[in-house]
Amino acid sequence: MKKQQKGMWHTERETEKAVYIVRIDDNFKKWFPKKVVDGPDETGILHVESWFVKNNPLPEILAERVDIPKLPTRKRWQKGSLSFSKASQYLLCPKQYYFSYEKKIPTMVSPALYRGSVAHAVLEALFQCDLDKAKPSSYIKALLMDYWDKYKARFETSARKKGKWDDSKRDDILDQIIWVIHNMTDGKMDKDSVRLLGPTETESCIFSEDGILGGIIDAIFVDENNNVKIVDYKTGKAKKNEIDFNHELQGWLYAHLASERFDNMPIAVEFWYTGSQQIKKLELDQESINGWILTLNDTATAIKQQSGSPESLFEARPSENNCKWCDAKPWCGSYHQYIQDTPWQKQGRSKSIKGNVLNVQKPSGNRPGAILIKTQDNEEVVVKGWEGSGKILGSLEEGNDVFCVDVDVRLSDYSGNLEGFVNDSYSIIANGAIVETGEKLPHIARLQ
């Protein structure tokens, strides 16, 4: 049933199947499938299907109308410059780097990842707004609504995604953004404080003088004495008593890049952990920084020399820690060999199950797709999946040899038996091929 929505609306543009509608009261904009809306009519009244609004809640009307600015074009990344994320992945496992940057496999995304992107986008855009036209708090809410919808759509249309988008988390992100602004402005939210005490640069793309290294820094503060402070937003939670080692290495790189850009070492590099609302200040040791920059330069040279080489020339370093969050698990023969002897019965995340399909259940309504597998240990275990994973499981046939390489295993509250849940549709391998893509994996036949 369609219900009238608050405010006055008008259509800005439309396609064959969707319509982009603006709420006149506060300039909130959103794409709607045509089939769920009636209107807006000549009086600005809009009716929307109740189920759609329940799944996609519309934000409350803002106290004032806000025009969202178009962000300036960010400085382009210099071709060949090495980022921290690329370097750290290569140092962790060259094989993992190969799959990410040479083979370019699809990246796994999660709601938490994109919620962090929303917070970063709002904190960049806020300082481009005309604060004489609306309050900073109104801009924050309007920007949050806009970027929330954009990243939600991006998540839901991603080739590989894990988890479900939760609109109730939007208020958490709002709280985190406000916490960041309050840290900058000593708790104030008026336009003069935000304008005066905000960062000199946001999402600044800077490179070393030789162009070998680069980074995108969330916020740079430069005072009247040319003293520089670097701030990196982390939308997770901080460790109790220390800075995460990877964050420390990232901070050293940023300190080096800033020292070349501003001709002096920053007075501070800080990590603002919005999830736990903590600030941790990095200790800047010049000797440690110099050693790390040498390592990064050597890494850049190694990557340049190895780029374009076949997979076999990229070393694999499989371990529980290295492989836990790796996107390449469906493709990586080294990982498959590593987990070959890992008992499937062990409960936990990111486990593997290998065996023969005994029975298949196609997804239907609230029922997930599922298969019953007889493992190599002659045990039986049910593996379930939702959405894309469920469809693939439901498409398998009895007798298929199946290898699920990224399964969350736990005891069923209902049956007391072990059950596996597949989050990543790419991790379902049947008869030696990744079902999602049809790509054959010759090494599967060589596994015991």
Protein backbone atom coordinates (compact mmCIF):
# COMPACT_ATOMS: atom_id res chain seq x y z
CA MET A 1 0.00 0.00 0.00
CA LYS A 2 1.26 3.46 -0.89
CA LYS A 3 1.36 6.13 1.85
CA GLN A 4 1.79 9.89 1.61
CA GLN A 5 5.25 11.13 2.59
CA LYS A 6 5.96 14.27 4.59
CA GLY A 7 6.94 17.46 2.77
CA MET A 8 6.51 18.76 -0.76
CA TRP A 9 8.26 16.97 -3.62
CA HIS A 10 9.08 17.46 -7.27
CA THR A 11 10.64 15.30 -9.98
CA GLU A 12 14.09 16.43 -11.10
CA ARG A 13 14.81 13.75 -13.71
CA GLU A 14 13.86 10.21 -14.63
CA THR A 15 14.87 7.13 -16.57
CA GLU A 16 12.79 4.32 -18.00
CA LYS A 17 12.56 2.54 -14.63
CA ALA A 18 13.47 5.12 -11.96
CA VAL A 19 12.73 8.69 -10.96
CA TYR A 20 14.94 11.21 -9.11
CA ILE A 21 12.72 13.13 -6.69
CA VAL A 22 13.62 16.18 -4.59
CA ARG A 23 11.99 17.15 -1.28
CA ILE A 24 11.52 20.90 -1.68
CA ASP A 25 11.52 21.59 2.08
CA ASP A 26 15.21 20.73 2.61
CA ASN A 27 16.54 19.71 -0.84
CA PHE A 28 16.82 16.01 0.07
CA LYS A 29 17.15 13.98 -3.15
CA LYS A 30 16.64 10.30 -3.84
CA TRP A 31 16.17 7.81 -6.69
CA PHE A 32 12.97 5.76 -6.46
CA PRO A 33 11.91 2.82 -8.65
CA LYS A 34 8.91 4.06 -10.62
CA LYS A 35 6.83 1.09 -9.55
CA VAL A 36 6.89 2.14 -5.86
CA VAL A 37 5.75 5.78 -6.23
CA ASP A 38 2.69 7.79 -7.22
CA GLY A 39 3.44 11.43 -7.96
CA PRO A 40 4.60 13.93 -7.07
CA ASP A 41 1.40 15.59 -8.29
CA GLU A 42 0.94 19.30 -9.09
CA THR A 43 0.59 20.08 -5.36
CA GLY A 44 3.87 18.32 -4.47
CA ILE A 45 2.29 15.31 -2.78
CA LEU A 46 4.18 12.00 -3.03
CA HIS A 47 2.94 8.51 -2.18
CA VAL A 48 5.45 5.65 -1.72
CA GLU A 49 4.95 1.94 -1.10
CA SER A 50 5.12 1.23 2.66
CA TRP A 51 7.46 -1.75 2.25
CA PHE A 52 9.94 0.38 0.30
CA VAL A 53 10.02 3.11 2.97
CA LYS A 54 10.46 0.45 5.67
CA ASN A 55 13.53 -0.93 3.88
CA ASN A 56 14.78 2.53 2.82
CA PRO A 57 13.78 4.97 5.60
CA LEU A 58 13.45 8.60 4.53
CA PRO A 59 15.24 11.05 6.87
CA GLU A 60 13.36 13.66 8.86
CA ILE A 61 12.92 17.05 7.18
CA LEU A 62 15.80 19.39 8.02
CA ALA A 63 15.12 22.74 9.68
CA GLU A 64 16.59 24.61 6.70
CA ARG A 65 17.10 24.00 3.01
CA VAL A 66 20.64 22.93 2.12
CA ASP A 67 22.37 22.98 -1.26
CA ILE A 68 25.08 20.32 -1.36
CA PRO A 69 28.25 21.55 -3.09
CA LYS A 70 30.05 19.71 -5.82
CA LEU A 71 33.42 18.57 -4.54
CA PRO A 72 36.49 19.98 -6.31
CA THR A 73 38.39 17.54 -8.49
CA ARG A 74 41.01 15.78 -6.40
CA LYS A 75 44.62 15.86 -7.55
CA ARG A 76 45.20 12.86 -9.81
CA TRP A 77 47.27 9.96 -8.56
CA GLN A 78 50.72 9.95 -10.11
CA LYS A 79 51.17 6.87 -12.27
CA GLY A 80 53.71 4.51 -10.74
CA SER A 81 53.58 6.01 -7.23
CA LEU A 82 53.27 3.41 -4.48
CA SER A 83 50.51 3.77 -1.87
CA PHE A 84 50.67 2.38 1.65
CA SER A 85 47.89 -0.13 0.96
CA LYS A 86 49.70 -1.55 -2.09
CA ALA A 87 53.03 -1.71 -0.30
CA SER A 88 51.66 -3.33 2.85
CA GLN A 89 49.82 -5.96 0.82
CA TYR A 90 52.96 -6.84 -1.18
CA LEU A 91 55.07 -7.05 1.99
CA LEU A 92 52.44 -9.24 3.66
CA CYS A 93 52.06 -11.62 0.71
CA PRO A 94 53.24 -10.98 -2.87
CA LYS A 95 50.70 -13.54 -4.11
CA GLN A 96 47.88 -11.54 -2.52
CA TYR A 97 49.24 -8.43 -4.29
CA TYR A 98 49.25 -10.33 -7.59
CA PHE A 99 45.57 -11.20 -7.35
CA SER A 100 44.56 -7.68 -6.28
CA TYR A 101 46.62 -5.55 -8.66
CA GLU A 102 47.82 -7.82 -11.48
CA LYS A 103 44.84 -10.15 -11.96
CA LYS A 104 42.45 -7.48 -10.58
CA ILE A 105 39.96 -9.83 -8.96
CA PRO A 106 36.68 -8.30 -7.68
CA THR A 107 37.09 -6.70 -4.26
CA MET A 108 34.96 -7.81 -1.33
CA VAL A 109 33.05 -4.93 0.26
CA SER A 110 31.21 -4.76 3.57
CA PRO A 111 28.71 -2.36 5.15
CA ALA A 112 31.36 -1.30 7.68
CA LEU A 113 33.78 -0.39 4.88
CA TYR A 114 31.23 1.78 3.09
CA ARG A 115 29.95 3.37 6.31
CA GLY A 116 33.53 4.50 6.83
CA SER A 117 33.54 5.89 3.30
CA VAL A 118 30.36 7.85 4.11
CA ALA A 119 32.01 9.44 7.16
CA HIS A 120 35.13 10.35 5.17
CA ALA A 121 33.07 11.85 2.35
CA VAL A 122 31.00 14.02 4.71
CA LEU A 123 34.11 15.23 6.55
CA GLU A 124 35.68 16.20 3.22
CA ALA A 125 32.60 17.89 1.77
CA LEU A 126 31.64 19.89 4.88
CA PHE A 127 34.62 22.21 4.51
CA GLN A 128 33.64 23.01 0.91
CA CYS A 129 30.19 24.25 1.98
CA ASP A 130 29.08 27.88 2.12
CA LEU A 131 28.51 28.18 5.87
CA ASP A 132 26.84 31.58 5.41
CA LYS A 133 23.87 29.85 3.76
CA ALA A 134 23.16 27.14 6.35
CA LYS A 135 24.37 25.91 9.73
CA PRO A 136 27.22 23.38 9.84
CA SER A 137 24.88 20.93 11.61
CA SER A 138 22.36 21.20 8.75
CA TYR A 139 25.08 20.61 6.17
CA ILE A 140 26.32 17.56 8.09
CA LYS A 141 22.84 16.00 8.15
CA ALA A 142 22.20 16.80 4.48
CA LEU A 143 25.59 15.45 3.38
CA LEU A 144 25.08 12.33 5.47
CA MET A 145 21.71 11.67 3.83
CA ASP A 146 23.20 12.16 0.37
CA TYR A 147 26.32 10.02 0.81
CA TRP A 148 24.46 7.37 2.80
CA ASP A 149 22.16 6.71 -0.15
CA LYS A 150 25.03 6.77 -2.65
CA TYR A 151 27.17 4.25 -0.76
CA LYS A 152 24.17 2.08 0.08
CA ALA A 153 23.42 1.81 -3.65
CA ARG A 154 27.08 1.15 -4.39
CA PHE A 155 27.19 -1.62 -1.77
CA GLU A 156 24.00 -3.29 -2.94
CA THR A 157 25.16 -3.36 -6.57
CA SER A 158 28.69 -4.60 -5.77
CA ALA A 159 29.86 -7.82 -7.40
CA ARG A 160 31.16 -9.16 -4.07
CA LYS A 161 29.65 -8.08 -0.78
CA LYS A 162 29.51 -9.47 2.72
CA GLY A 163 26.69 -8.75 5.15
CA LYS A 164 23.57 -6.60 4.86
CA TRP A 165 23.16 -2.84 4.85
CA ASP A 166 21.61 -1.55 8.08
CA ASP A 167 19.96 1.88 7.91
CA SER A 168 19.80 2.04 11.71
CA LYS A 169 23.59 2.57 11.72
CA ARG A 170 23.21 6.03 10.14
CA ASP A 171 22.83 7.74 13.52
CA ASP A 172 26.07 6.08 14.70
CA ILE A 173 27.92 7.62 11.75
CA LEU A 174 26.33 11.01 12.50
CA ASP A 175 27.61 10.78 16.08
CA GLN A 176 31.11 9.90 14.84
CA ILE A 177 31.18 12.83 12.41
CA ILE A 178 30.04 15.28 15.09
CA TRP A 179 32.70 13.88 17.46
CA VAL A 180 35.39 14.63 14.85
CA ILE A 181 34.16 18.20 14.33
CA HIS A 182 33.99 18.81 18.08
CA ASN A 183 37.61 17.67 18.41
CA MET A 184 38.62 20.28 15.85
CA THR A 185 36.55 23.11 17.32
CA ASP A 186 36.73 22.48 21.08
CA GLY A 187 33.13 21.35 21.12
CA LYS A 188 31.69 24.25 19.12
CA MET A 189 29.50 23.94 16.03
CA ASP A 190 29.02 27.54 14.90
CA LYS A 191 30.12 28.55 11.41
CA ASP A 192 33.06 30.71 12.55
CA SER A 193 34.58 27.94 14.68
CA VAL A 194 34.18 25.33 11.94
CA ARG A 195 35.61 27.69 9.34
CA LEU A 196 38.50 28.91 11.52
CA LEU A 197 39.50 25.68 13.26
CA GLY A 198 38.82 23.19 10.47
CA PRO A 199 41.62 21.58 8.45
CA THR A 200 43.70 23.51 5.93
CA GLU A 201 43.37 20.62 3.48
CA THR A 202 41.09 17.56 3.33
CA GLU A 203 41.66 14.29 1.46
CA SER A 204 44.96 15.73 0.26
CA CYS A 205 46.83 13.67 -2.33
CA ILE A 206 50.58 14.20 -1.84
CA PHE A 207 53.69 12.52 -3.24
CA SER A 208 57.36 12.22 -2.44
CA GLU A 209 59.71 14.52 -4.35
CA ASP A 210 60.92 11.62 -6.51
CA GLY A 211 57.33 10.48 -7.16
CA ILE A 212 57.99 6.95 -5.88
CA LEU A 213 55.64 7.14 -2.88
CA GLY A 214 52.23 8.73 -2.37
CA GLY A 215 49.34 8.98 0.03
CA ILE A 216 45.91 10.52 0.55
CA ILE A 217 45.78 12.29 3.91
CA ASP A 218 42.38 12.85 5.53
CA ALA A 219 43.12 16.18 7.20
CA ILE A 220 46.13 18.52 7.27
CA PHE A 221 46.24 21.44 9.71
CA VAL A 222 48.80 24.21 9.12
CA ASP A 223 49.03 27.10 11.60
CA GLU A 224 50.39 30.63 11.12
CA ASN A 225 53.91 29.43 11.99
CA ASN A 226 53.78 26.74 9.27
CA ASN A 227 53.51 24.00 11.90
CA VAL A 228 51.83 20.95 10.38
CA LYS A 229 49.55 18.41 12.05
CA ILE A 230 48.37 15.28 10.22
CA VAL A 231 45.09 13.58 11.16
CA ASP A 232 43.94 10.22 9.81
CA TYR A 233 40.36 9.13 10.53
CA LYS A 234 39.87 5.49 11.48
CA THR A 235 36.22 4.51 11.65
CA GLY A 236 36.93 1.39 13.68
CA LYS A 237 37.96 1.10 17.32
CA ALA A 238 41.42 1.69 18.75
CA LYS A 239 43.52 -0.96 20.45
CA LYS A 240 43.57 -0.53 24.20
CA ASN A 241 47.13 0.51 24.93
CA GLU A 242 48.83 1.05 21.58
CA ILE A 243 48.51 2.13 17.98
CA ASP A 244 47.97 -0.68 15.50
CA PHE A 245 51.35 -1.46 13.91
CA ASN A 246 50.02 -0.99 10.37
CA HIS A 247 48.62 2.40 11.36
CA GLU A 248 52.01 3.31 12.80
CA LEU A 249 53.72 2.48 9.49
CA GLN A 250 51.08 4.43 7.58
CA GLY A 251 51.65 7.43 9.86
CA TRP A 252 55.40 7.32 9.28
CA LEU A 253 54.82 7.44 5.52
CA TYR A 254 52.47 10.41 5.89
CA ALA A 255 54.98 12.21 8.12
CA HIS A 256 57.67 11.73 5.47
CA LEU A 257 55.44 12.95 2.64
CA ALA A 258 54.34 15.99 4.64
CA SER A 259 57.93 16.85 5.61
CA GLU A 260 58.88 17.04 1.93
CA ARG A 261 55.74 18.97 1.01
CA PHE A 262 56.01 21.58 3.80
CA ASP A 263 59.81 21.52 4.30
CA ASN A 264 59.58 20.47 7.94
CA MET A 265 58.52 17.42 9.92
CA PRO A 266 54.92 17.56 11.25
CA ILE A 267 54.60 18.46 14.90
CA ALA A 268 52.02 15.67 15.25
CA VAL A 269 50.50 12.71 13.43
CA GLU A 270 47.27 11.62 15.07
CA PHE A 271 44.80 8.79 14.51
CA TRP A 272 41.20 9.65 15.39
CA TYR A 273 39.33 6.41 16.05
CA THR A 274 35.71 7.39 15.59
CA GLY A 275 34.33 3.98 16.57
CA SER A 276 35.70 4.25 20.11
CA GLN A 277 36.04 8.06 20.08
CA GLN A 278 39.72 8.01 20.97
CA ILE A 279 42.71 9.97 19.71
CA LYS A 280 46.15 8.35 19.60
CA LYS A 281 49.27 10.35 18.82
CA LEU A 282 52.08 8.71 16.88
CA GLU A 283 55.64 8.93 18.15
CA LEU A 284 57.77 10.37 15.35
CA ASP A 285 61.21 8.79 15.43
CA GLN A 286 63.30 10.03 12.50
CA GLU A 287 65.50 6.94 12.39
CA SER A 288 62.47 4.63 12.25
CA ILE A 289 60.85 6.79 9.58
CA ASN A 290 64.00 6.76 7.45
CA GLY A 291 64.27 2.98 7.72
CA TRP A 292 60.63 2.53 6.74
CA ILE A 293 60.96 4.83 3.73
CA LEU A 294 63.97 2.79 2.54
CA THR A 295 61.85 -0.36 2.84
CA LEU A 296 59.03 1.25 0.85
CA ASN A 297 61.43 2.41 -1.87
CA ASP A 298 62.85 -1.12 -2.13
CA THR A 299 59.30 -2.48 -2.29
CA ALA A 300 58.44 -0.07 -5.10
CA THR A 301 61.48 -1.29 -7.04
CA ALA A 302 60.56 -4.95 -6.47
CA ILE A 303 56.96 -4.38 -7.62
CA LYS A 304 58.11 -2.52 -10.73
CA GLN A 305 60.48 -5.34 -11.65
CA GLN A 306 57.87 -8.04 -11.03
CA SER A 307 54.88 -6.32 -12.63
CA GLY A 308 53.54 -8.29 -15.59
CA SER A 309 55.12 -11.56 -14.44
CA PRO A 310 53.07 -14.79 -14.26
CA GLU A 311 51.39 -15.77 -11.00
CA SER A 312 53.97 -18.47 -10.27
CA LEU A 313 56.69 -15.84 -9.73
CA PHE A 314 54.79 -14.12 -6.91
CA GLU A 315 55.65 -15.74 -3.58
CA ALA A 316 52.77 -17.01 -1.43
CA ARG A 317 52.95 -16.66 2.36
CA PRO A 318 49.88 -18.52 3.60
CA SER A 319 49.07 -18.33 7.30
CA GLU A 320 45.96 -17.95 9.40
CA ASN A 321 46.69 -14.25 9.92
CA ASN A 322 47.68 -13.44 6.32
CA CYS A 323 44.77 -15.30 4.73
CA LYS A 324 41.96 -14.42 7.13
CA TRP A 325 40.66 -11.36 5.26
CA CYS A 326 42.23 -12.04 1.86
CA ASP A 327 39.93 -11.54 -1.15
CA ALA A 328 41.95 -14.01 -3.23
CA LYS A 329 41.03 -17.19 -1.34
CA PRO A 330 38.74 -18.54 -4.11
CA TRP A 331 41.59 -18.34 -6.67
CA CYS A 332 44.71 -19.02 -4.60
CA GLY A 333 46.13 -22.54 -4.98
CA SER A 334 48.61 -21.90 -2.17
CA TYR A 335 45.76 -21.12 0.21
CA HIS A 336 43.81 -24.19 -0.92
CA GLN A 337 46.85 -26.37 -0.25
CA TYR A 338 47.40 -24.68 3.12
CA ILE A 339 43.87 -25.43 4.36
CA GLN A 340 43.73 -28.92 2.87
CA ASP A 341 44.46 -30.60 6.21
CA THR A 342 42.44 -28.17 8.35
CA PRO A 343 39.53 -30.11 9.91
CA TRP A 344 36.21 -28.75 8.66
CA GLN A 345 34.62 -29.50 12.05
CA LYS A 346 36.47 -26.62 13.70
CA GLN A 347 33.98 -23.84 14.37
CA GLY A 348 34.72 -20.26 13.46
CA ARG A 349 34.95 -17.85 10.57
CA SER A 350 36.67 -18.34 7.23
CA LYS A 351 36.85 -22.14 7.35
CA SER A 352 36.68 -24.58 4.43
CA ILE A 353 34.46 -27.53 3.58
CA LYS A 354 35.23 -30.03 0.81
CA GLY A 355 33.17 -33.00 -0.29
CA ASN A 356 30.35 -34.36 -2.43
CA VAL A 357 26.84 -32.89 -2.79
CA LEU A 358 24.17 -35.27 -1.46
CA ASN A 359 21.14 -33.00 -1.64
CA VAL A 360 20.21 -29.51 -2.90
CA GLN A 361 17.67 -26.99 -1.62
CA LYS A 362 16.81 -24.07 -3.89
CA PRO A 363 16.20 -20.67 -2.22
CA SER A 364 12.54 -19.76 -1.82
CA GLY A 365 11.07 -16.81 0.08
CA ASN A 366 12.68 -16.74 3.54
CA ARG A 367 14.37 -20.09 2.95
CA PRO A 368 18.06 -19.88 1.97
CA GLY A 369 19.72 -21.92 -0.74
CA ALA A 370 21.50 -24.91 0.78
CA ILE A 371 23.37 -28.13 0.04
CA LEU A 372 24.07 -31.22 2.09
CA ILE A 373 27.72 -32.20 1.74
CA LYS A 374 29.36 -35.51 2.57
CA THR A 375 32.87 -34.51 3.53
CA GLN A 376 36.09 -36.41 2.94
CA ASP A 377 35.80 -37.58 6.57
CA ASN A 378 32.43 -39.21 5.72
CA GLU A 379 30.56 -36.66 7.84
CA GLU A 380 27.50 -34.76 6.65
CA VAL A 381 27.15 -30.99 6.96
CA VAL A 382 24.61 -28.50 5.64
CA VAL A 383 26.00 -25.39 3.92
CA LYS A 384 23.61 -22.45 3.48
CA GLY A 385 23.75 -19.11 1.74
CA TRP A 386 21.62 -16.03 1.13
CA GLU A 387 21.20 -13.93 -2.00
CA GLY A 388 23.93 -14.69 -4.59
CA SER A 389 25.51 -17.46 -2.52
CA GLY A 390 22.12 -19.08 -1.96
CA LYS A 391 21.29 -19.00 -5.66
CA ILE A 392 24.58 -20.68 -6.54
CA LEU A 393 24.18 -23.36 -3.86
CA GLY A 394 20.64 -23.99 -5.11
CA SER A 395 21.92 -24.37 -8.68
CA LEU A 396 24.31 -27.22 -7.85
CA GLU A 397 23.46 -30.84 -8.57
CA GLU A 398 23.69 -34.03 -6.58
CA GLY A 399 27.07 -35.65 -7.12
CA ASN A 400 28.96 -32.40 -7.71
CA ASP A 401 32.37 -32.19 -6.08
CA VAL A 402 32.26 -28.98 -4.07
CA PHE A 403 34.90 -26.96 -2.25
CA CYS A 404 33.72 -23.94 -0.23
CA VAL A 405 36.82 -22.03 0.79
CA ASP A 406 35.37 -19.27 2.99
CA VAL A 407 32.64 -20.60 5.28
CA ASP A 408 31.49 -19.56 8.75
CA VAL A 409 30.90 -22.78 10.70
CA ARG A 410 28.86 -23.03 13.90
CA LEU A 411 26.51 -25.34 15.77
CA SER A 412 22.87 -25.00 14.78
CA ASP A 413 20.63 -23.83 17.63
CA TYR A 414 17.86 -25.95 16.13
CA SER A 415 19.51 -29.26 15.24
CA GLY A 416 22.71 -29.16 17.29
CA ASN A 417 24.66 -30.13 14.17
CA LEU A 418 27.39 -28.13 12.48
CA GLU A 419 26.22 -25.78 9.75
CA GLY A 420 28.20 -23.70 7.31
CA PHE A 421 27.19 -20.28 6.02
CA VAL A 422 28.71 -18.97 2.80
CA ASN A 423 28.86 -15.18 2.56
CA ASP A 424 30.92 -14.87 -0.62
CA SER A 425 29.42 -16.39 -3.76
CA TYR A 426 32.89 -16.47 -5.37
CA SER A 427 34.09 -18.93 -2.71
CA ILE A 428 31.90 -21.78 -4.02
CA ILE A 429 34.00 -24.07 -6.22
CA ALA A 430 32.26 -26.98 -7.94
CA ASN A 431 33.88 -29.59 -10.19
CA GLY A 432 37.11 -27.59 -10.23
CA ALA A 433 35.64 -24.21 -11.25
CA ILE A 434 34.51 -21.04 -9.47
CA VAL A 435 30.76 -21.27 -10.10
CA GLU A 436 30.21 -17.49 -10.10
CA THR A 437 32.57 -16.93 -13.04
CA GLY A 438 32.96 -20.39 -14.59
CA GLU A 439 36.74 -20.02 -14.24
CA LYS A 440 38.52 -23.39 -14.13
CA LEU A 441 41.12 -23.95 -11.40
CA PRO A 442 43.49 -26.71 -12.61
CA HIS A 443 45.19 -27.06 -9.22
CA ILE A 444 41.97 -28.28 -7.55
CA ALA A 445 42.40 -31.72 -9.13
CA ARG A 446 45.85 -32.01 -7.53
CA LEU A 447 44.54 -31.53 -3.99
CA GLN A 448 44.20 -34.68 -1.90
